[in-house]
Amino acid sequence: MILARELHLEEVGEIKMRVPNIELETFVHGSMCMAYSGRCLISNFMNYRDANRGHCSQPCRWSYMLVEEKSGDAIPVYEDEHGAYIFSSKDLSMIAHIPDLVNAGIDSYKIEGRMKSSYYVGIVTKIYREAIDDYFDDPGLYSRKIPYYQSELSKMSHREYTTGFYYGKITGEDHAYYDADQIRIQDYLAIVDSYDECTGFCLIEQRNKFEIGEKIDIIRASGEIYTQEINIMLDEDGVQISSAPHPKQKVRLKVDVPVKKFDMFRRTTDSNN
């Protein structure tokens, strides 16, 4: 049973108590619709993409103007110099509240990944999986690592975070009235295609330009995120190169730790580039 986002944790707990044999699934992270339970008609009306069938184009994130009917004059809707985004909600994030989700009896945690990149989905999935495993292995470890989880979730495109309806009715603090732009901290650089254990080189497909001397984070499906400097890069013909400027360019990169297909690289925060 996939529950509506408007339910409080107490209501979720009551549902679990009344139907204990039914598994419950709830959203725990990602974009929040401005309409009740995703029943938004703006996307369907403007772009012919039905939000109720998983095709929302998220027009609620756009900036709007009022038009006076008789004169046709467009009037900006704004609160300050940045304008107002009156339909836009902050993003949901429950990473710091895993114990409350577990105690409420939620069986499956759902991530809003519509119109998101593989990098976004990969990072969010990795961090929530790690946090859940840490909590069940050692609640104290989970508590100590909350700043780390939050830091990692801040290193990709996102809006300010909120806990949504889980702890009661939402307030004005849960809406992004003034700025709907996403916060972007680090660049997604490449995805791993293959790895050669004998040479320590991996074949990657570029997503953003990078070059020799930059520091990168190697993000693996499990395990710690590893940081290293790029020292050796080769093109597909084995010729040494100094940068990877072309979209989806195939590059062989020397890495200090083993990697697997679909592991990802991103630019490290303290990189000079």
Protein backbone atom coordinates (compact mmCIF):
# COMPACT_ATOMS: atom_id res chain seq x y z
CA MET A 1 0.00 0.00 0.00
CA ILE A 2 1.52 3.30 -1.12
CA LEU A 3 0.42 5.97 1.34
CA ALA A 4 -0.47 9.58 0.56
CA ARG A 5 2.21 12.12 1.46
CA GLU A 6 -0.23 14.05 3.64
CA LEU A 7 -0.30 11.40 6.38
CA HIS A 8 1.39 12.12 9.70
CA LEU A 9 3.63 9.49 11.27
CA GLU A 10 0.98 8.84 13.95
CA GLU A 11 -1.58 8.09 11.22
CA VAL A 12 0.89 5.81 9.44
CA GLY A 13 1.45 3.96 12.72
CA GLU A 14 -2.29 3.54 13.22
CA ILE A 15 -2.71 2.11 9.71
CA LYS A 16 0.08 -0.39 10.38
CA MET A 17 -1.55 -1.39 13.66
CA ARG A 18 -4.93 -1.99 12.02
CA VAL A 19 -3.58 -3.90 8.98
CA PRO A 20 -0.27 -5.39 10.19
CA ASN A 21 -0.02 -7.90 7.34
CA ILE A 22 0.00 -5.22 4.63
CA GLU A 23 3.34 -3.69 3.66
CA LEU A 24 3.39 0.11 3.68
CA GLU A 25 5.37 2.29 1.29
CA THR A 26 5.90 6.04 1.68
CA PHE A 27 7.91 8.80 0.05
CA VAL A 28 10.93 9.79 2.14
CA HIS A 29 12.96 11.99 -0.21
CA GLY A 30 12.64 14.25 -3.23
CA SER A 31 10.32 16.75 -4.88
CA MET A 32 6.98 17.53 -3.27
CA CYS A 33 3.94 18.33 -5.42
CA MET A 34 2.03 21.52 -4.68
CA ALA A 35 -1.29 19.67 -5.11
CA TYR A 36 -2.90 17.15 -2.77
CA SER A 37 -1.38 13.70 -3.34
CA GLY A 38 -0.02 14.73 -6.71
CA ARG A 39 -3.42 15.61 -8.17
CA CYS A 40 -2.05 18.46 -10.24
CA LEU A 41 -3.68 19.54 -13.50
CA ILE A 42 -1.17 22.22 -14.51
CA SER A 43 1.21 19.78 -16.21
CA ASN A 44 -1.62 18.10 -18.11
CA PHE A 45 -3.15 21.41 -19.20
CA MET A 46 0.07 23.13 -20.27
CA ASN A 47 2.20 20.26 -21.61
CA TYR A 48 -0.21 17.34 -22.11
CA ARG A 49 1.79 15.35 -19.59
CA ASP A 50 -0.41 13.74 -16.96
CA ALA A 51 0.96 14.15 -13.45
CA ASN A 52 -1.37 11.43 -12.19
CA ARG A 53 0.28 8.92 -14.52
CA GLY A 54 3.87 9.69 -13.63
CA HIS A 55 4.63 12.18 -16.41
CA CYS A 56 4.64 15.48 -14.52
CA SER A 57 6.78 18.18 -16.15
CA GLN A 58 6.84 20.14 -12.86
CA PRO A 59 5.46 23.47 -14.13
CA CYS A 60 4.80 24.38 -10.49
CA ARG A 61 8.53 25.13 -10.29
CA TRP A 62 8.30 27.93 -12.86
CA SER A 63 7.96 31.65 -12.26
CA TYR A 64 4.57 33.19 -13.10
CA MET A 65 2.99 36.58 -13.83
CA LEU A 66 -0.55 37.87 -13.39
CA VAL A 67 -2.24 39.29 -16.48
CA GLU A 68 -4.94 41.94 -16.11
CA GLU A 69 -7.82 40.82 -18.33
CA LYS A 70 -8.96 44.14 -19.84
CA SER A 71 -5.61 45.75 -20.55
CA GLY A 72 -3.60 42.60 -21.08
CA ASP A 73 -0.82 44.03 -18.94
CA ALA A 74 1.47 41.46 -17.35
CA ILE A 75 2.06 42.06 -13.66
CA PRO A 76 5.04 40.35 -12.00
CA VAL A 77 4.18 38.31 -8.91
CA TYR A 78 7.00 38.98 -6.49
CA GLU A 79 7.93 39.33 -2.86
CA ASP A 80 11.42 40.74 -3.43
CA GLU A 81 13.90 41.18 -6.27
CA HIS A 82 14.01 37.42 -6.86
CA GLY A 83 10.31 37.05 -7.55
CA ALA A 84 7.87 34.56 -6.04
CA TYR A 85 7.33 30.91 -6.81
CA ILE A 86 3.94 30.51 -5.20
CA PHE A 87 3.38 26.89 -6.27
CA SER A 88 6.80 25.54 -5.32
CA SER A 89 7.48 23.31 -2.33
CA LYS A 90 10.79 22.54 -0.71
CA ASP A 91 12.13 19.02 -1.23
CA LEU A 92 11.31 16.24 1.21
CA SER A 93 14.14 14.68 3.23
CA MET A 94 13.71 12.22 6.10
CA ILE A 95 17.32 11.03 6.31
CA ALA A 96 17.65 12.33 9.89
CA HIS A 97 14.45 10.58 10.99
CA ILE A 98 14.97 6.93 10.01
CA PRO A 99 14.08 5.67 13.54
CA ASP A 100 10.70 7.40 13.39
CA LEU A 101 9.97 5.84 9.99
CA VAL A 102 10.93 2.39 11.27
CA ASN A 103 8.87 2.75 14.45
CA ALA A 104 5.84 3.81 12.41
CA GLY A 105 5.99 0.46 10.63
CA ILE A 106 6.95 1.64 7.14
CA ASP A 107 8.32 -1.25 5.07
CA SER A 108 9.43 0.47 1.86
CA TYR A 109 10.98 3.91 1.47
CA LYS A 110 10.21 5.66 -1.80
CA ILE A 111 12.41 8.25 -3.53
CA GLU A 112 10.95 10.79 -5.96
CA GLY A 113 13.20 10.36 -8.98
CA ARG A 114 11.04 11.73 -11.78
CA MET A 115 13.05 13.89 -14.22
CA LYS A 116 16.19 13.25 -12.14
CA SER A 117 19.60 12.12 -13.35
CA SER A 118 21.16 8.73 -12.70
CA TYR A 119 23.63 10.57 -10.46
CA TYR A 120 20.81 11.95 -8.30
CA VAL A 121 19.07 8.59 -8.01
CA GLY A 122 22.35 6.80 -7.33
CA ILE A 123 23.45 9.13 -4.53
CA VAL A 124 20.07 9.24 -2.78
CA THR A 125 19.65 5.47 -2.98
CA LYS A 126 23.18 4.87 -1.69
CA ILE A 127 22.82 7.23 1.27
CA TYR A 128 19.41 5.96 2.38
CA ARG A 129 20.51 2.34 2.02
CA GLU A 130 23.60 3.08 4.10
CA ALA A 131 21.63 4.98 6.74
CA ILE A 132 19.02 2.23 7.10
CA ASP A 133 21.69 -0.47 7.37
CA ASP A 134 23.66 1.61 9.89
CA TYR A 135 20.55 2.13 12.03
CA PHE A 136 19.73 -1.58 12.20
CA ASP A 137 23.36 -2.51 12.85
CA ASP A 138 24.05 0.20 15.42
CA PRO A 139 21.60 3.05 16.22
CA GLY A 140 24.45 4.99 17.81
CA LEU A 141 26.49 4.80 14.62
CA TYR A 142 23.51 6.03 12.62
CA SER A 143 23.08 9.02 14.94
CA ARG A 144 26.75 9.95 14.68
CA LYS A 145 26.66 9.75 10.87
CA ILE A 146 23.59 11.97 10.34
CA PRO A 147 25.77 15.02 9.47
CA TYR A 148 27.56 12.86 6.87
CA TYR A 149 24.28 11.67 5.31
CA GLN A 150 22.96 15.22 5.17
CA SER A 151 26.20 16.50 3.68
CA GLU A 152 26.10 13.91 0.88
CA LEU A 153 22.47 14.70 0.06
CA SER A 154 23.42 18.36 -0.23
CA LYS A 155 26.04 17.68 -2.90
CA MET A 156 23.59 17.30 -5.78
CA SER A 157 20.85 19.43 -7.31
CA HIS A 158 18.11 19.97 -4.73
CA ARG A 159 15.93 22.59 -3.11
CA GLU A 160 15.92 23.37 0.56
CA TYR A 161 14.75 20.39 2.57
CA THR A 162 11.64 19.85 4.68
CA THR A 163 10.05 16.94 6.57
CA GLY A 164 6.74 17.53 4.79
CA PHE A 165 3.60 16.34 6.57
CA TYR A 166 5.24 13.70 8.74
CA TYR A 167 5.23 15.80 11.91
CA GLY A 168 2.01 17.72 11.34
CA LYS A 169 0.46 20.25 9.02
CA ILE A 170 2.95 22.05 6.81
CA THR A 171 3.56 25.76 7.24
CA GLY A 172 4.92 28.60 5.14
CA GLU A 173 8.41 27.41 6.04
CA ASP A 174 7.84 24.33 3.87
CA HIS A 175 7.34 26.35 0.68
CA ALA A 176 9.96 27.94 -1.56
CA TYR A 177 8.19 31.24 -2.09
CA TYR A 178 11.19 33.26 -3.14
CA ASP A 179 13.41 31.03 -5.23
CA ALA A 180 12.62 27.79 -7.06
CA ASP A 181 16.15 27.36 -8.38
CA GLN A 182 17.87 24.16 -7.35
CA ILE A 183 20.98 24.26 -5.19
CA ARG A 184 23.85 22.61 -7.04
CA ILE A 185 27.06 21.87 -5.18
CA GLN A 186 29.12 19.34 -7.15
CA ASP A 187 29.38 18.23 -10.77
CA TYR A 188 28.68 14.69 -11.90
CA LEU A 189 31.74 13.84 -14.03
CA ALA A 190 31.53 10.27 -15.32
CA ILE A 191 30.09 6.78 -15.01
CA VAL A 192 32.18 3.59 -14.99
CA ASP A 193 31.81 1.17 -17.88
CA SER A 194 34.45 -1.43 -16.91
CA TYR A 195 37.51 -1.96 -14.71
CA ASP A 196 40.79 -3.84 -15.26
CA GLU A 197 42.13 -5.25 -11.97
CA CYS A 198 45.55 -5.95 -13.47
CA THR A 199 46.27 -2.39 -14.64
CA GLY A 200 44.10 -0.37 -12.25
CA PHE A 201 42.54 1.48 -15.19
CA CYS A 202 38.80 1.86 -15.64
CA LEU A 203 36.90 2.78 -18.80
CA ILE A 204 34.50 5.64 -18.11
CA GLU A 205 31.97 7.72 -20.03
CA GLN A 206 32.28 11.46 -19.46
CA ARG A 207 29.34 13.62 -18.25
CA ASN A 208 31.12 16.93 -17.52
CA LYS A 209 34.56 18.21 -18.45
CA PHE A 210 37.47 17.36 -16.14
CA GLU A 211 41.25 17.31 -16.45
CA ILE A 212 44.54 16.14 -15.00
CA GLY A 213 45.23 17.51 -11.53
CA GLU A 214 41.61 17.70 -10.40
CA LYS A 215 40.41 15.84 -7.33
CA ILE A 216 37.46 13.51 -7.80
CA ASP A 217 35.16 11.53 -5.53
CA ILE A 218 34.71 7.89 -6.50
CA ILE A 219 31.18 6.87 -5.51
CA ARG A 220 30.60 3.15 -5.21
CA ALA A 221 27.28 1.40 -4.61
CA SER A 222 28.50 0.34 -1.19
CA GLY A 223 31.40 1.45 0.94
CA GLU A 224 32.94 4.81 1.66
CA ILE A 225 33.32 7.53 -0.95
CA TYR A 226 36.96 7.67 -1.98
CA THR A 227 38.78 10.85 -3.03
CA GLN A 228 41.82 10.91 -5.29
CA GLU A 229 43.64 13.18 -7.73
CA ILE A 230 43.52 12.49 -11.45
CA ASN A 231 47.08 11.71 -12.54
CA ILE A 232 46.78 9.58 -15.68
CA MET A 233 44.14 9.66 -18.44
CA LEU A 234 44.16 7.85 -21.76
CA ASP A 235 41.83 8.06 -24.74
CA GLU A 236 40.31 4.93 -26.28
CA ASP A 237 43.44 4.43 -28.40
CA GLY A 238 45.70 4.46 -25.34
CA VAL A 239 47.09 7.94 -26.02
CA GLN A 240 47.70 10.02 -22.89
CA ILE A 241 45.46 13.10 -22.67
CA SER A 242 45.23 16.03 -20.25
CA SER A 243 41.46 16.63 -20.26
CA ALA A 244 38.11 15.10 -21.19
CA PRO A 245 36.10 17.97 -22.75
CA HIS A 246 33.72 16.09 -25.06
CA PRO A 247 30.22 14.94 -24.02
CA LYS A 248 30.08 11.18 -23.41
CA GLN A 249 33.77 10.86 -24.29
CA LYS A 250 35.22 7.43 -23.47
CA VAL A 251 38.31 7.72 -21.28
CA ARG A 252 40.59 5.30 -19.48
CA LEU A 253 41.39 6.61 -16.02
CA LYS A 254 43.87 5.29 -13.47
CA VAL A 255 42.12 4.83 -10.12
CA ASP A 256 43.54 4.02 -6.69
CA VAL A 257 40.67 1.75 -5.60
CA PRO A 258 38.72 -1.01 -7.38
CA VAL A 259 35.51 0.11 -9.07
CA LYS A 260 32.56 -1.61 -10.72
CA LYS A 261 30.31 -0.91 -13.68
CA PHE A 262 27.93 1.99 -12.94
CA ASP A 263 30.05 3.46 -10.14
CA MET A 264 30.21 7.25 -10.52
CA PHE A 265 32.76 10.06 -10.34
CA ARG A 266 32.08 13.63 -9.26
CA ARG A 267 34.19 16.73 -8.77
CA THR A 268 35.43 17.08 -5.21
CA THR A 269 34.29 20.19 -3.32
CA ASP A 270 37.79 21.51 -2.66
CA SER A 271 38.94 21.05 -6.28
CA ASN A 272 40.56 24.14 -7.76
CA ASN A 273 38.55 23.75 -10.98
